[in-house]
Amino acid sequence: MSIYFILFVCLRVHLISSTCTPSVRQCGCQTEQPTISLSSRIVGGIQARKHSWPWIVSIRQHDRVISAGTMICAGSLISEKYILTAAHCFYEIDPLLLSNYFVVIGAHYLNDTNSKRFQIQSVKIHENYDHKLFTSDIALLELSDNVDFRNSIVGFICLPPVKSPTYPAESSIAVAIGWGRLDENSSMSYTLQQVRLPILSHKDHVCSQQISDNLVHICAGFIQGGRDTCQGDSGGPLMIFDETMSTWHIAGITSYGYGCAQAENPGVYTRVSMFIDWIHGHMSSHSSKMQVTSNILLIFLFFFSQMYTRV
């Protein structure tokens, strides 16, 4: 019995520990490994290990009184320039007022002021987003400056490996993180929290009654309740660990739910794998524009230098 227990513990550690090497080009890796237990949950308050989720983003609004700003949503860093979050976080925000908002990367505490701050250059809300049904609840934030991944507390999460209406697989275990409420009637968590949640089948009655489109929605949670994301966790990642690659992938974006951790009311998440083409399309569009701008600048400099030499 003792030998079996030791082997079981070693196996569990192997499954949740990433062996990939963090670098400026490697997604889904951490310098600090997360500590994940079967009892961890956001509602109830089990905090994440500091800087173990280096891609978590705190989206905040400038506040004249609070220097750290006021958090409105979470997000996930997916490249040096882009953040994934929920569309409903920015649906009612005037694009002309984006300067009132900023993001903090590498934070552990709700009011961290020592982490990396970035201004938001633009927001792309999915064109099919439905504010009543929360379908296509996904948005892409473009940062004003590139993130420096040489900083060990900052990293970016991998996107799903393929476009698929069945990723993540049913019954697989995911991890959600955020600073949301510890229960329905409490305030936001001061420290980053984490929770392990099973992926439910869309055919399960507790899921089918929550969602309107199983292609773009994921249900995750326990039928008996007790563990869940909550208000304030919106936009944050639902993550799957790829044992083959030893990397973390963003499978879902925290979207909505009825109450927090209630029985037969699992949380609903945006299925990121169905938006891979949309994400890459907008990211590559930015790169193309940057290349065109760079080429125009080079042409201008060339002609300017020719004019200068002829004088």
Foldseek 3Di string as FASTA:
>chain_A
DVVVVVVVVVVVCLQQFFPDDDDLPDAFDAPDGWDDDQQFFLQQDDFIDQLNQQFKKFKFFPDPVQRLGHTQEIWGAAHQWKTKFFQVSCVPPDQVPQQRMWMFTLDFFRSDPPTDIWGWPGKAQDPPQDPVQRFSGMMMTTTPDTHDSVPNSHHGHHADPAQDLCPPPAQAKWKWKFQQDSFQPGHTHGGIGMHIWGWHDCPPPLNVVNHDDSSFKTFTHDQQFDHAGYPGHGTTFTWDQDSVNSGIYGQWTFTDWDGHRHHSITTMTTGRSNCPCVVVVVVVVVVVVVVVVVVVVVVVVVVVVVVVVVD
